[in-house]
């Protein structure tokens, strides 16, 4: 059995009781690139089952670093389905250039913990020119109200949030702002927000949504 370390020792102990000696626990590697770590883990899984080793160059909307394609959106944009503390921290640490942040998430029990790094003035004041707060249109859980989310994010900022509940309109605003400020756009939040923006961008370009939805 091959497992990624669950973080909780009690969970790992339960897994070990079932697996016995036939257990490999991937602890993760000390790098900022989560995608590279997951690729290494996937290699262990493939080897265990005798499968062909995976390709690192996979196109996975909202997940892989090579998505989206440059011709899909009107601005230089990076989109990540980062919605928990680890994912947000990884994304924030990887952004070095000024950018417009567009964020929208669905409700979760530990919302304040998930946004701990987002609410830090240390992370945001030097990097994010503007922050636009929106709401995914679907999901297993309802969207966090944009005003409530803005209150959390802007608790340590001196500027005011831009709130646009419609994610497609929020993206259009971000595209205008990015051209005016001569910087890119960073989208973070629910995978359902990624879906909203992907569907809008593909329909706007008369493309084939299925070609973008497939992980390949």
N, C-alpha and C. Protein backbone atom coordinates (compact mmCIF):
# COMPACT_ATOMS: atom_id res chain seq x y z
N UNK A 1 0.84 -1.19 0.00
CA UNK A 1 0.00 0.00 0.00
C UNK A 1 0.89 1.25 0.00
N UNK A 2 0.51 2.23 -0.80
CA UNK A 2 1.24 3.49 -0.90
C UNK A 2 0.30 4.61 -0.47
N UNK A 3 0.72 5.43 0.49
CA UNK A 3 -0.13 6.52 0.96
C UNK A 3 0.70 7.78 1.12
N UNK A 4 0.05 8.90 0.90
CA UNK A 4 0.65 10.20 1.23
C UNK A 4 0.39 10.46 2.69
N UNK A 5 1.39 10.90 3.43
CA UNK A 5 1.23 11.07 4.88
C UNK A 5 0.01 11.95 5.17
N UNK A 6 -0.96 11.42 5.92
CA UNK A 6 -2.21 12.18 6.14
C UNK A 6 -2.08 13.35 7.10
N UNK A 7 -0.94 13.47 7.78
CA UNK A 7 -0.77 14.58 8.71
C UNK A 7 -1.16 14.25 10.14
N UNK A 8 -2.12 13.38 10.30
CA UNK A 8 -2.56 12.96 11.63
C UNK A 8 -2.01 11.57 11.91
N UNK A 9 -1.25 11.44 12.99
CA UNK A 9 -0.65 10.15 13.31
C UNK A 9 -1.70 9.08 13.58
N UNK A 10 -2.82 9.47 14.16
CA UNK A 10 -3.88 8.49 14.46
C UNK A 10 -4.44 7.89 13.17
N UNK A 11 -4.56 8.72 12.13
CA UNK A 11 -5.03 8.22 10.84
C UNK A 11 -4.01 7.27 10.24
N UNK A 12 -2.74 7.63 10.32
CA UNK A 12 -1.68 6.78 9.78
C UNK A 12 -1.62 5.45 10.53
N UNK A 13 -1.81 5.48 11.83
CA UNK A 13 -1.80 4.24 12.61
C UNK A 13 -2.92 3.31 12.17
N UNK A 14 -4.09 3.85 11.88
CA UNK A 14 -5.21 3.03 11.42
C UNK A 14 -4.90 2.40 10.07
N UNK A 15 -4.30 3.18 9.17
CA UNK A 15 -3.92 2.65 7.86
C UNK A 15 -2.89 1.54 8.01
N UNK A 16 -1.92 1.75 8.92
CA UNK A 16 -0.85 0.76 9.13
C UNK A 16 -1.40 -0.55 9.68
N UNK A 17 -2.46 -0.48 10.48
CA UNK A 17 -3.07 -1.70 11.02
C UNK A 17 -3.62 -2.57 9.90
N UNK A 18 -4.12 -1.94 8.86
CA UNK A 18 -4.68 -2.69 7.72
C UNK A 18 -3.57 -3.16 6.79
N UNK A 19 -2.60 -2.28 6.52
CA UNK A 19 -1.57 -2.59 5.53
C UNK A 19 -0.48 -3.50 6.07
N UNK A 20 -0.23 -3.44 7.37
CA UNK A 20 0.86 -4.23 7.94
C UNK A 20 2.21 -3.75 7.45
N UNK A 21 3.08 -4.71 7.10
CA UNK A 21 4.43 -4.35 6.66
C UNK A 21 4.45 -3.85 5.21
N UNK A 22 3.37 -4.12 4.49
CA UNK A 22 3.33 -3.73 3.07
C UNK A 22 2.79 -2.30 2.95
N UNK A 23 3.58 -1.34 3.45
CA UNK A 23 3.14 0.05 3.48
C UNK A 23 4.31 0.98 3.20
N UNK A 24 4.11 1.86 2.21
CA UNK A 24 5.06 2.95 1.97
C UNK A 24 4.35 4.26 2.24
N UNK A 25 4.93 5.07 3.11
CA UNK A 25 4.35 6.37 3.45
C UNK A 25 5.22 7.46 2.84
N UNK A 26 4.64 8.21 1.92
CA UNK A 26 5.36 9.33 1.30
C UNK A 26 5.24 10.54 2.22
N UNK A 27 6.35 10.98 2.76
CA UNK A 27 6.35 12.08 3.73
C UNK A 27 6.27 13.44 3.07
N UNK A 28 6.49 13.50 1.77
CA UNK A 28 6.56 14.80 1.12
C UNK A 28 7.98 15.32 1.15
N UNK A 29 8.32 16.17 0.22
CA UNK A 29 9.67 16.70 0.15
C UNK A 29 9.66 18.18 0.46
N UNK A 30 10.77 18.68 0.95
CA UNK A 30 10.86 20.06 1.41
C UNK A 30 11.10 21.02 0.25
N UNK A 31 10.06 21.20 -0.56
CA UNK A 31 10.13 22.16 -1.67
C UNK A 31 8.82 22.93 -1.71
N UNK A 32 8.84 24.08 -2.36
CA UNK A 32 7.64 24.89 -2.48
C UNK A 32 6.73 24.40 -3.61
N UNK A 33 7.29 23.57 -4.50
CA UNK A 33 6.54 23.12 -5.66
C UNK A 33 5.74 21.87 -5.34
N UNK A 34 4.48 22.05 -4.96
CA UNK A 34 3.63 20.91 -4.62
C UNK A 34 3.43 19.99 -5.81
N UNK A 35 3.36 20.55 -7.01
CA UNK A 35 3.14 19.73 -8.19
C UNK A 35 4.27 18.72 -8.36
N UNK A 36 5.50 19.15 -8.14
CA UNK A 36 6.65 18.25 -8.25
C UNK A 36 6.57 17.15 -7.20
N UNK A 37 6.14 17.49 -6.01
CA UNK A 37 6.01 16.50 -4.94
C UNK A 37 4.95 15.46 -5.31
N UNK A 38 3.82 15.92 -5.81
CA UNK A 38 2.74 14.99 -6.20
C UNK A 38 3.20 14.10 -7.35
N UNK A 39 4.01 14.64 -8.26
CA UNK A 39 4.52 13.85 -9.38
C UNK A 39 5.40 12.71 -8.87
N UNK A 40 6.24 13.00 -7.89
CA UNK A 40 7.09 11.97 -7.29
C UNK A 40 6.23 10.90 -6.62
N UNK A 41 5.21 11.32 -5.90
CA UNK A 41 4.31 10.39 -5.23
C UNK A 41 3.59 9.50 -6.25
N UNK A 42 3.13 10.11 -7.35
CA UNK A 42 2.45 9.35 -8.41
C UNK A 42 3.39 8.30 -9.00
N UNK A 43 4.69 8.62 -9.07
CA UNK A 43 5.66 7.66 -9.57
C UNK A 43 5.76 6.43 -8.68
N UNK A 44 5.71 6.65 -7.37
CA UNK A 44 5.73 5.52 -6.44
C UNK A 44 4.50 4.62 -6.63
N UNK A 45 3.34 5.25 -6.83
CA UNK A 45 2.11 4.48 -7.04
C UNK A 45 2.22 3.66 -8.32
N UNK A 46 2.68 4.29 -9.39
CA UNK A 46 2.80 3.59 -10.67
C UNK A 46 3.76 2.41 -10.56
N UNK A 47 4.89 2.61 -9.88
CA UNK A 47 5.87 1.54 -9.72
C UNK A 47 5.28 0.38 -8.93
N UNK A 48 4.51 0.70 -7.89
CA UNK A 48 3.92 -0.33 -7.04
C UNK A 48 2.96 -1.23 -7.81
N UNK A 49 2.25 -0.66 -8.77
CA UNK A 49 1.26 -1.42 -9.54
C UNK A 49 1.81 -1.91 -10.88
N UNK A 50 3.06 -1.60 -11.17
CA UNK A 50 3.64 -2.01 -12.44
C UNK A 50 3.12 -1.22 -13.62
N UNK A 51 2.65 0.00 -13.37
CA UNK A 51 2.13 0.83 -14.43
C UNK A 51 3.25 1.62 -15.10
N UNK A 52 2.94 2.18 -16.25
CA UNK A 52 3.88 3.08 -16.91
C UNK A 52 4.03 4.35 -16.07
N UNK A 53 5.24 4.85 -15.96
CA UNK A 53 5.47 6.04 -15.15
C UNK A 53 4.72 7.23 -15.75
N UNK A 54 4.15 8.08 -14.90
CA UNK A 54 3.35 9.20 -15.40
C UNK A 54 4.21 10.27 -16.05
N UNK A 55 3.56 11.09 -16.87
CA UNK A 55 4.23 12.24 -17.46
C UNK A 55 4.03 13.45 -16.55
N UNK A 56 5.08 14.22 -16.40
CA UNK A 56 4.97 15.42 -15.56
C UNK A 56 4.23 16.54 -16.29
N UNK A 57 4.21 16.47 -17.62
CA UNK A 57 3.58 17.52 -18.42
C UNK A 57 2.11 17.20 -18.65
N UNK A 58 1.32 17.27 -17.59
CA UNK A 58 -0.11 16.97 -17.65
C UNK A 58 -0.91 18.27 -17.62
N UNK A 59 -1.94 18.33 -18.43
CA UNK A 59 -2.80 19.51 -18.47
C UNK A 59 -4.02 19.25 -17.59
N UNK A 60 -4.05 19.90 -16.43
CA UNK A 60 -5.13 19.68 -15.46
C UNK A 60 -5.64 21.04 -15.01
N UNK A 61 -6.83 21.47 -15.47
CA UNK A 61 -7.34 22.80 -15.15
C UNK A 61 -7.36 23.10 -13.66
N UNK A 62 -6.74 24.21 -13.28
CA UNK A 62 -6.73 24.64 -11.90
C UNK A 62 -5.71 23.95 -11.03
N UNK A 63 -5.00 22.97 -11.58
CA UNK A 63 -4.04 22.20 -10.78
C UNK A 63 -2.62 22.26 -11.34
N UNK A 64 -2.47 21.94 -12.64
CA UNK A 64 -1.13 21.85 -13.19
C UNK A 64 -0.57 23.25 -13.49
N UNK A 65 0.76 23.42 -13.34
CA UNK A 65 1.35 24.74 -13.54
C UNK A 65 1.35 25.20 -15.00
N UNK A 66 1.11 24.29 -15.96
CA UNK A 66 1.11 24.68 -17.37
C UNK A 66 -0.28 25.06 -17.87
N UNK A 67 -1.24 25.21 -16.96
CA UNK A 67 -2.60 25.61 -17.35
C UNK A 67 -2.93 26.94 -16.68
N UNK A 68 -3.66 27.83 -17.35
CA UNK A 68 -4.35 27.68 -18.63
C UNK A 68 -3.47 28.02 -19.82
N UNK A 69 -3.89 27.59 -21.02
CA UNK A 69 -3.15 27.98 -22.22
C UNK A 69 -3.24 29.49 -22.43
N UNK A 70 -2.21 30.06 -23.00
CA UNK A 70 -2.11 31.52 -23.11
C UNK A 70 -3.21 32.15 -23.96
N UNK A 71 -3.76 31.38 -24.90
CA UNK A 71 -4.76 31.96 -25.80
C UNK A 71 -6.18 31.90 -25.25
N UNK A 72 -6.38 31.35 -24.05
CA UNK A 72 -7.73 31.18 -23.53
C UNK A 72 -8.24 32.44 -22.83
N UNK A 73 -7.34 33.17 -22.18
CA UNK A 73 -7.73 34.37 -21.46
C UNK A 73 -7.06 35.60 -22.08
N UNK A 74 -7.60 36.76 -21.76
CA UNK A 74 -7.13 38.00 -22.39
C UNK A 74 -5.96 38.64 -21.66
N UNK A 75 -5.58 38.08 -20.53
CA UNK A 75 -4.47 38.62 -19.76
C UNK A 75 -3.53 37.50 -19.34
N UNK A 76 -2.35 37.86 -18.89
CA UNK A 76 -1.44 36.90 -18.29
C UNK A 76 -2.05 36.44 -16.97
N UNK A 77 -2.47 35.20 -16.89
CA UNK A 77 -3.26 34.75 -15.75
C UNK A 77 -2.77 33.41 -15.24
N UNK A 78 -2.76 33.24 -13.94
CA UNK A 78 -2.49 31.95 -13.31
C UNK A 78 -3.72 31.60 -12.47
N UNK A 79 -4.16 30.35 -12.55
CA UNK A 79 -5.38 29.93 -11.87
C UNK A 79 -5.09 28.70 -11.04
N UNK A 80 -5.41 28.77 -9.76
CA UNK A 80 -5.16 27.65 -8.86
C UNK A 80 -6.40 27.37 -8.03
N UNK A 81 -6.74 26.09 -7.92
CA UNK A 81 -7.84 25.69 -7.05
C UNK A 81 -7.35 25.57 -5.61
N UNK A 82 -6.61 26.57 -5.17
CA UNK A 82 -6.11 26.61 -3.80
C UNK A 82 -7.20 27.16 -2.90
N UNK A 83 -7.64 26.36 -1.91
CA UNK A 83 -8.75 26.80 -1.07
C UNK A 83 -8.55 26.44 0.39
N UNK A 84 -7.42 25.80 0.73
CA UNK A 84 -7.13 25.51 2.14
C UNK A 84 -5.80 26.17 2.52
N UNK A 85 -5.43 26.03 3.78
CA UNK A 85 -4.26 26.75 4.28
C UNK A 85 -2.99 26.37 3.53
N UNK A 86 -2.75 25.07 3.31
CA UNK A 86 -1.53 24.63 2.62
C UNK A 86 -1.50 25.12 1.18
N UNK A 87 -2.64 24.97 0.49
CA UNK A 87 -2.68 25.38 -0.91
C UNK A 87 -2.49 26.87 -1.08
N UNK A 88 -3.16 27.65 -0.23
CA UNK A 88 -3.03 29.11 -0.32
C UNK A 88 -1.61 29.55 0.01
N UNK A 89 -1.01 28.96 1.04
CA UNK A 89 0.35 29.34 1.40
C UNK A 89 1.32 29.04 0.26
N UNK A 90 1.17 27.87 -0.36
CA UNK A 90 2.05 27.51 -1.46
C UNK A 90 1.91 28.51 -2.61
N UNK A 91 0.67 28.86 -2.94
CA UNK A 91 0.44 29.80 -4.04
C UNK A 91 1.00 31.18 -3.71
N UNK A 92 0.74 31.65 -2.51
CA UNK A 92 1.19 32.98 -2.13
C UNK A 92 2.72 33.08 -2.16
N UNK A 93 3.38 32.02 -1.69
CA UNK A 93 4.85 32.04 -1.67
C UNK A 93 5.44 32.00 -3.07
N UNK A 94 4.68 31.49 -4.04
CA UNK A 94 5.23 31.35 -5.39
C UNK A 94 5.05 32.61 -6.23
N UNK A 95 4.24 33.56 -5.76
CA UNK A 95 3.99 34.78 -6.54
C UNK A 95 4.99 35.85 -6.15
N UNK A 96 5.79 36.26 -7.11
CA UNK A 96 6.85 37.23 -6.84
C UNK A 96 6.60 38.58 -7.51
N UNK A 97 5.75 38.61 -8.52
CA UNK A 97 5.51 39.84 -9.27
C UNK A 97 4.16 40.45 -8.88
N UNK A 98 4.01 41.77 -9.03
CA UNK A 98 2.71 42.41 -8.76
C UNK A 98 1.60 41.78 -9.57
N UNK A 99 0.43 41.62 -8.97
CA UNK A 99 -0.66 40.93 -9.64
C UNK A 99 -2.00 41.41 -9.10
N UNK A 100 -3.05 41.11 -9.84
CA UNK A 100 -4.42 41.32 -9.38
C UNK A 100 -4.91 39.99 -8.81
N UNK A 101 -5.40 39.97 -7.60
CA UNK A 101 -5.90 38.73 -7.00
C UNK A 101 -7.41 38.66 -7.14
N UNK A 102 -7.89 37.54 -7.67
CA UNK A 102 -9.32 37.25 -7.74
C UNK A 102 -9.55 35.99 -6.93
N UNK A 103 -10.42 36.08 -5.92
CA UNK A 103 -10.60 34.94 -5.00
C UNK A 103 -12.07 34.72 -4.69
N UNK A 104 -12.45 33.46 -4.59
CA UNK A 104 -13.80 33.07 -4.20
C UNK A 104 -13.79 31.63 -3.74
N UNK A 105 -14.39 31.33 -2.60
CA UNK A 105 -14.33 29.98 -2.07
C UNK A 105 -15.71 29.54 -1.59
N UNK A 106 -15.86 28.23 -1.37
CA UNK A 106 -17.09 27.69 -0.80
C UNK A 106 -16.90 27.53 0.70
N UNK A 107 -18.00 27.38 1.41
CA UNK A 107 -17.97 27.36 2.87
C UNK A 107 -17.22 26.14 3.38
N UNK A 108 -16.48 26.33 4.48
CA UNK A 108 -15.75 25.27 5.14
C UNK A 108 -15.73 25.56 6.64
N UNK A 109 -15.54 24.52 7.43
CA UNK A 109 -15.62 24.67 8.88
C UNK A 109 -14.50 25.54 9.42
N UNK A 110 -13.30 25.44 8.84
CA UNK A 110 -12.14 26.16 9.35
C UNK A 110 -11.76 27.32 8.44
N UNK A 111 -12.73 28.12 8.09
CA UNK A 111 -12.51 29.19 7.13
C UNK A 111 -11.40 30.14 7.58
N UNK A 112 -11.42 30.57 8.82
CA UNK A 112 -10.40 31.53 9.29
C UNK A 112 -9.02 30.91 9.26
N UNK A 113 -8.91 29.61 9.61
CA UNK A 113 -7.61 28.94 9.54
C UNK A 113 -7.12 28.86 8.10
N UNK A 114 -8.03 28.54 7.18
CA UNK A 114 -7.66 28.42 5.77
C UNK A 114 -7.16 29.74 5.21
N UNK A 115 -7.67 30.85 5.73
CA UNK A 115 -7.31 32.17 5.21
C UNK A 115 -6.26 32.88 6.06
N UNK A 116 -5.64 32.17 6.97
CA UNK A 116 -4.69 32.80 7.89
C UNK A 116 -3.60 33.55 7.14
N UNK A 117 -3.04 32.94 6.08
CA UNK A 117 -1.98 33.60 5.32
C UNK A 117 -2.53 34.70 4.42
N UNK A 118 -3.76 34.53 3.98
CA UNK A 118 -4.35 35.54 3.10
C UNK A 118 -4.60 36.83 3.86
N UNK A 119 -4.93 36.73 5.15
CA UNK A 119 -5.24 37.93 5.92
C UNK A 119 -4.00 38.66 6.40
N UNK A 120 -2.83 38.12 6.14
CA UNK A 120 -1.59 38.72 6.63
C UNK A 120 -1.15 39.88 5.75
N UNK A 121 -0.94 41.02 6.35
CA UNK A 121 -0.46 42.18 5.61
C UNK A 121 0.91 41.92 5.00
N UNK A 122 1.70 41.07 5.65
CA UNK A 122 3.04 40.75 5.16
C UNK A 122 2.98 40.14 3.76
N UNK A 123 1.96 39.29 3.54
CA UNK A 123 1.84 38.64 2.25
C UNK A 123 1.29 39.57 1.18
N UNK A 124 0.36 40.41 1.54
CA UNK A 124 -0.41 41.06 0.50
C UNK A 124 0.00 42.48 0.12
N UNK A 125 0.40 43.26 1.05
CA UNK A 125 0.62 44.67 0.71
C UNK A 125 1.66 44.88 -0.39
N UNK A 126 2.78 44.16 -0.41
CA UNK A 126 3.77 44.42 -1.45
C UNK A 126 3.42 43.80 -2.80
N UNK A 127 2.59 42.78 -2.81
CA UNK A 127 2.43 41.97 -4.01
C UNK A 127 1.12 42.21 -4.74
N UNK A 128 0.01 42.28 -4.02
CA UNK A 128 -1.29 42.34 -4.67
C UNK A 128 -1.73 43.79 -4.86
N UNK A 129 -1.80 44.21 -6.15
CA UNK A 129 -2.19 45.58 -6.45
C UNK A 129 -3.65 45.82 -6.06
N UNK A 130 -4.50 44.87 -6.43
CA UNK A 130 -5.92 44.94 -6.08
C UNK A 130 -6.41 43.54 -5.75
N UNK A 131 -7.44 43.46 -4.92
CA UNK A 131 -8.07 42.18 -4.61
C UNK A 131 -9.55 42.27 -4.95
N UNK A 132 -9.99 41.33 -5.78
CA UNK A 132 -11.40 41.24 -6.16
C UNK A 132 -11.97 40.00 -5.52
N UNK A 133 -13.07 40.15 -4.80
CA UNK A 133 -13.69 39.04 -4.10
C UNK A 133 -14.99 38.66 -4.80
N UNK A 134 -15.15 37.37 -5.07
CA UNK A 134 -16.32 36.91 -5.80
C UNK A 134 -16.90 35.66 -5.14
N UNK A 135 -17.84 35.00 -5.82
CA UNK A 135 -18.49 33.80 -5.28
C UNK A 135 -18.64 32.75 -6.37
N UNK A 136 -18.18 31.52 -6.14
CA UNK A 136 -18.47 30.44 -7.10
C UNK A 136 -19.98 30.26 -7.24
N UNK A 137 -20.43 29.86 -8.41
CA UNK A 137 -21.88 29.74 -8.63
C UNK A 137 -22.43 28.38 -8.24
N UNK A 138 -21.54 27.40 -7.94
CA UNK A 138 -22.01 26.07 -7.57
C UNK A 138 -21.02 25.44 -6.59
N UNK A 139 -21.29 24.18 -6.21
CA UNK A 139 -20.40 23.49 -5.31
C UNK A 139 -21.15 22.61 -4.33
N UNK A 140 -20.42 21.70 -3.69
CA UNK A 140 -21.05 20.84 -2.68
C UNK A 140 -21.57 21.67 -1.51
N UNK A 141 -20.85 22.73 -1.19
CA UNK A 141 -21.26 23.66 -0.15
C UNK A 141 -21.54 25.02 -0.78
N UNK A 142 -22.39 25.84 -0.15
CA UNK A 142 -22.65 27.18 -0.68
C UNK A 142 -21.38 28.03 -0.70
N UNK A 143 -21.37 29.02 -1.53
CA UNK A 143 -20.24 29.94 -1.57
C UNK A 143 -20.19 30.78 -0.30
N UNK A 144 -18.97 31.11 0.12
CA UNK A 144 -18.81 32.08 1.21
C UNK A 144 -19.26 33.43 0.68
N UNK A 145 -20.11 34.10 1.40
CA UNK A 145 -20.59 35.41 0.97
C UNK A 145 -19.39 36.33 0.71
N UNK A 146 -19.43 37.02 -0.43
CA UNK A 146 -18.30 37.84 -0.84
C UNK A 146 -17.95 38.91 0.19
N UNK A 147 -18.95 39.49 0.82
CA UNK A 147 -18.66 40.53 1.81
C UNK A 147 -18.02 39.92 3.06
N UNK A 148 -18.49 38.74 3.47
CA UNK A 148 -17.88 38.08 4.63
C UNK A 148 -16.44 37.70 4.33
N UNK A 149 -16.20 37.20 3.12
CA UNK A 149 -14.84 36.83 2.73
C UNK A 149 -13.94 38.06 2.68
N UNK A 150 -14.47 39.15 2.16
CA UNK A 150 -13.69 40.39 2.10
C UNK A 150 -13.34 40.89 3.50
N UNK A 151 -14.27 40.77 4.45
CA UNK A 151 -13.99 41.20 5.82
C UNK A 151 -12.80 40.45 6.40
N UNK A 152 -12.70 39.14 6.10
CA UNK A 152 -11.58 38.35 6.61
C UNK A 152 -10.27 38.72 5.92
N UNK A 153 -10.32 38.83 4.61
CA UNK A 153 -9.10 39.10 3.86
C UNK A 153 -8.56 40.49 4.15
N UNK A 154 -9.44 41.46 4.32
CA UNK A 154 -9.01 42.85 4.45
C UNK A 154 -8.88 43.30 5.90
N UNK A 155 -8.86 42.35 6.84
CA UNK A 155 -8.73 42.74 8.25
C UNK A 155 -7.39 43.41 8.54
N UNK A 156 -6.37 43.12 7.70
CA UNK A 156 -5.04 43.71 7.91
C UNK A 156 -4.57 44.54 6.72
N UNK A 157 -5.50 44.96 5.88
CA UNK A 157 -5.13 45.79 4.74
C UNK A 157 -5.66 47.21 4.92
N UNK A 158 -5.01 48.14 4.24
CA UNK A 158 -5.42 49.54 4.34
C UNK A 158 -6.34 49.96 3.20
N UNK A 159 -6.37 49.17 2.11
CA UNK A 159 -7.21 49.53 0.98
C UNK A 159 -8.59 48.86 1.10
N UNK A 160 -9.43 49.10 0.14
CA UNK A 160 -10.79 48.56 0.16
C UNK A 160 -10.92 47.43 -0.86
N UNK A 161 -11.75 46.43 -0.56
CA UNK A 161 -11.93 45.34 -1.52
C UNK A 161 -12.83 45.75 -2.68
N UNK A 162 -12.65 45.08 -3.78
CA UNK A 162 -13.58 45.19 -4.90
C UNK A 162 -14.45 43.94 -4.86
N UNK A 163 -15.74 44.09 -4.63
CA UNK A 163 -16.65 42.96 -4.50
C UNK A 163 -17.53 42.86 -5.74
N UNK A 164 -17.47 41.71 -6.40
CA UNK A 164 -18.33 41.40 -7.53
C UNK A 164 -18.75 39.94 -7.41
N UNK A 165 -20.01 39.73 -7.06
CA UNK A 165 -20.48 38.37 -6.77
C UNK A 165 -20.49 37.47 -8.01
N UNK A 166 -20.71 38.03 -9.18
CA UNK A 166 -20.72 37.26 -10.42
C UNK A 166 -19.27 36.99 -10.84
N UNK A 167 -18.82 35.73 -10.85
CA UNK A 167 -17.40 35.46 -11.13
C UNK A 167 -16.97 35.84 -12.54
N UNK A 168 -17.87 35.76 -13.52
CA UNK A 168 -17.49 36.14 -14.87
C UNK A 168 -17.29 37.64 -14.99
N UNK A 169 -18.15 38.41 -14.32
CA UNK A 169 -17.95 39.86 -14.31
C UNK A 169 -16.69 40.22 -13.52
N UNK A 170 -16.44 39.46 -12.45
CA UNK A 170 -15.23 39.71 -11.66
C UNK A 170 -13.99 39.49 -12.51
N UNK A 171 -14.01 38.45 -13.35
CA UNK A 171 -12.87 38.20 -14.23
C UNK A 171 -12.70 39.34 -15.24
N UNK A 172 -13.78 39.83 -15.81
CA UNK A 172 -13.69 40.93 -16.76
C UNK A 172 -13.12 42.18 -16.10
N UNK A 173 -13.52 42.44 -14.85
CA UNK A 173 -12.96 43.57 -14.11
C UNK A 173 -11.46 43.36 -13.89
N UNK A 174 -11.08 42.14 -13.51
CA UNK A 174 -9.67 41.83 -13.28
C UNK A 174 -8.86 42.02 -14.56
N UNK A 175 -9.42 41.63 -15.70
CA UNK A 175 -8.71 41.79 -16.97
C UNK A 175 -8.49 43.26 -17.29
N UNK A 176 -9.48 44.10 -17.02
CA UNK A 176 -9.33 45.53 -17.25
C UNK A 176 -8.27 46.11 -16.32
N UNK A 177 -8.35 45.74 -15.04
CA UNK A 177 -7.39 46.23 -14.05
C UNK A 177 -5.97 45.79 -14.39
N UNK A 178 -5.82 44.56 -14.86
CA UNK A 178 -4.48 44.05 -15.16
C UNK A 178 -3.85 44.81 -16.33
N UNK A 179 -4.67 45.20 -17.30
CA UNK A 179 -4.14 45.99 -18.42
C UNK A 179 -3.76 47.39 -17.94
N UNK A 180 -4.60 47.98 -17.09
CA UNK A 180 -4.31 49.32 -16.59
C UNK A 180 -3.07 49.35 -15.71
N UNK A 181 -2.90 48.30 -14.90
CA UNK A 181 -1.76 48.25 -13.97
C UNK A 181 -0.55 47.55 -14.57
N UNK A 182 -0.69 47.04 -15.80
CA UNK A 182 0.41 46.34 -16.49
C UNK A 182 0.95 45.20 -15.63
N UNK A 183 0.05 44.37 -15.13
CA UNK A 183 0.45 43.20 -14.34
C UNK A 183 -0.50 42.05 -14.64
N UNK A 184 -0.19 40.88 -14.11
CA UNK A 184 -0.99 39.70 -14.36
C UNK A 184 -2.14 39.56 -13.38
N UNK A 185 -2.82 38.41 -13.51
CA UNK A 185 -3.95 38.07 -12.63
C UNK A 185 -3.65 36.74 -11.96
N UNK A 186 -3.96 36.66 -10.67
CA UNK A 186 -3.85 35.40 -9.93
C UNK A 186 -5.23 35.05 -9.39
N UNK A 187 -5.74 33.90 -9.81
CA UNK A 187 -7.04 33.42 -9.34
C UNK A 187 -6.80 32.30 -8.34
N UNK A 188 -7.45 32.39 -7.18
CA UNK A 188 -7.35 31.34 -6.16
C UNK A 188 -8.73 31.06 -5.60
N UNK A 189 -8.94 29.83 -5.17
CA UNK A 189 -10.20 29.51 -4.53
C UNK A 189 -10.75 28.17 -4.94
N UNK A 190 -12.03 28.04 -4.82
CA UNK A 190 -12.72 26.78 -5.05
C UNK A 190 -12.51 26.27 -6.47
N UNK A 191 -12.47 24.95 -6.59
CA UNK A 191 -12.40 24.34 -7.92
C UNK A 191 -13.65 24.71 -8.74
N UNK A 192 -14.74 25.02 -8.04
CA UNK A 192 -15.96 25.44 -8.74
C UNK A 192 -15.79 26.84 -9.33
N UNK A 193 -15.00 27.68 -8.69
CA UNK A 193 -14.67 28.98 -9.28
C UNK A 193 -13.85 28.78 -10.55
N UNK A 194 -12.90 27.85 -10.50
CA UNK A 194 -12.12 27.52 -11.69
C UNK A 194 -13.05 27.10 -12.82
N UNK A 195 -14.05 26.26 -12.49
CA UNK A 195 -15.00 25.81 -13.49
C UNK A 195 -15.81 26.96 -14.08
N UNK A 196 -16.24 27.88 -13.23
CA UNK A 196 -17.01 29.04 -13.70
C UNK A 196 -16.20 29.84 -14.73
N UNK A 197 -14.95 30.11 -14.39
CA UNK A 197 -14.11 30.95 -15.26
C UNK A 197 -13.72 30.21 -16.53
N UNK A 198 -13.47 28.91 -16.41
CA UNK A 198 -13.12 28.12 -17.59
C UNK A 198 -14.28 28.10 -18.57
N UNK A 199 -15.48 27.82 -18.08
CA UNK A 199 -16.66 27.75 -18.95
C UNK A 199 -16.87 29.09 -19.66
N UNK A 200 -16.74 30.18 -18.91
CA UNK A 200 -16.93 31.51 -19.49
C UNK A 200 -15.89 31.80 -20.57
N UNK A 201 -14.62 31.50 -20.27
CA UNK A 201 -13.55 31.82 -21.21
C UNK A 201 -13.66 30.99 -22.48
N UNK A 202 -14.03 29.71 -22.35
CA UNK A 202 -14.16 28.85 -23.52
C UNK A 202 -15.33 29.30 -24.39
N UNK A 203 -16.46 29.59 -23.75
CA UNK A 203 -17.62 30.05 -24.52
C UNK A 203 -17.33 31.39 -25.20
N UNK A 204 -16.58 32.25 -24.53
CA UNK A 204 -16.24 33.55 -25.10
C UNK A 204 -15.37 33.41 -26.35
N UNK A 205 -14.57 32.35 -26.38
CA UNK A 205 -13.66 32.15 -27.52
C UNK A 205 -14.20 31.13 -28.52
N UNK A 206 -15.48 30.70 -28.32
CA UNK A 206 -16.09 29.71 -29.21
C UNK A 206 -15.29 28.41 -29.25
N UNK A 207 -14.72 28.05 -28.10
CA UNK A 207 -13.92 26.83 -28.04
C UNK A 207 -14.74 25.61 -27.63
N UNK A 208 -14.04 24.50 -27.46
CA UNK A 208 -14.65 23.23 -27.06
C UNK A 208 -14.36 23.00 -25.59
N UNK A 209 -15.37 23.11 -24.73
CA UNK A 209 -15.18 22.99 -23.29
C UNK A 209 -14.61 21.62 -22.93
N UNK A 210 -15.06 20.58 -23.59
CA UNK A 210 -14.60 19.23 -23.25
C UNK A 210 -13.08 19.09 -23.43
N UNK A 211 -12.53 19.74 -24.43
CA UNK A 211 -11.09 19.66 -24.66
C UNK A 211 -10.30 20.25 -23.50
N UNK A 212 -10.88 21.20 -22.81
CA UNK A 212 -10.19 21.81 -21.68
C UNK A 212 -10.46 21.06 -20.37
N UNK A 213 -11.60 20.37 -20.28
CA UNK A 213 -11.95 19.66 -19.06
C UNK A 213 -11.17 18.36 -18.91
N UNK A 214 -10.78 17.76 -20.03
CA UNK A 214 -10.07 16.49 -19.94
C UNK A 214 -8.68 16.69 -19.32
N UNK A 215 -8.32 15.80 -18.39
CA UNK A 215 -6.97 15.78 -17.85
C UNK A 215 -6.12 14.97 -18.83
N UNK A 216 -5.17 15.61 -19.48
CA UNK A 216 -4.38 14.90 -20.50
C UNK A 216 -2.96 15.49 -20.58
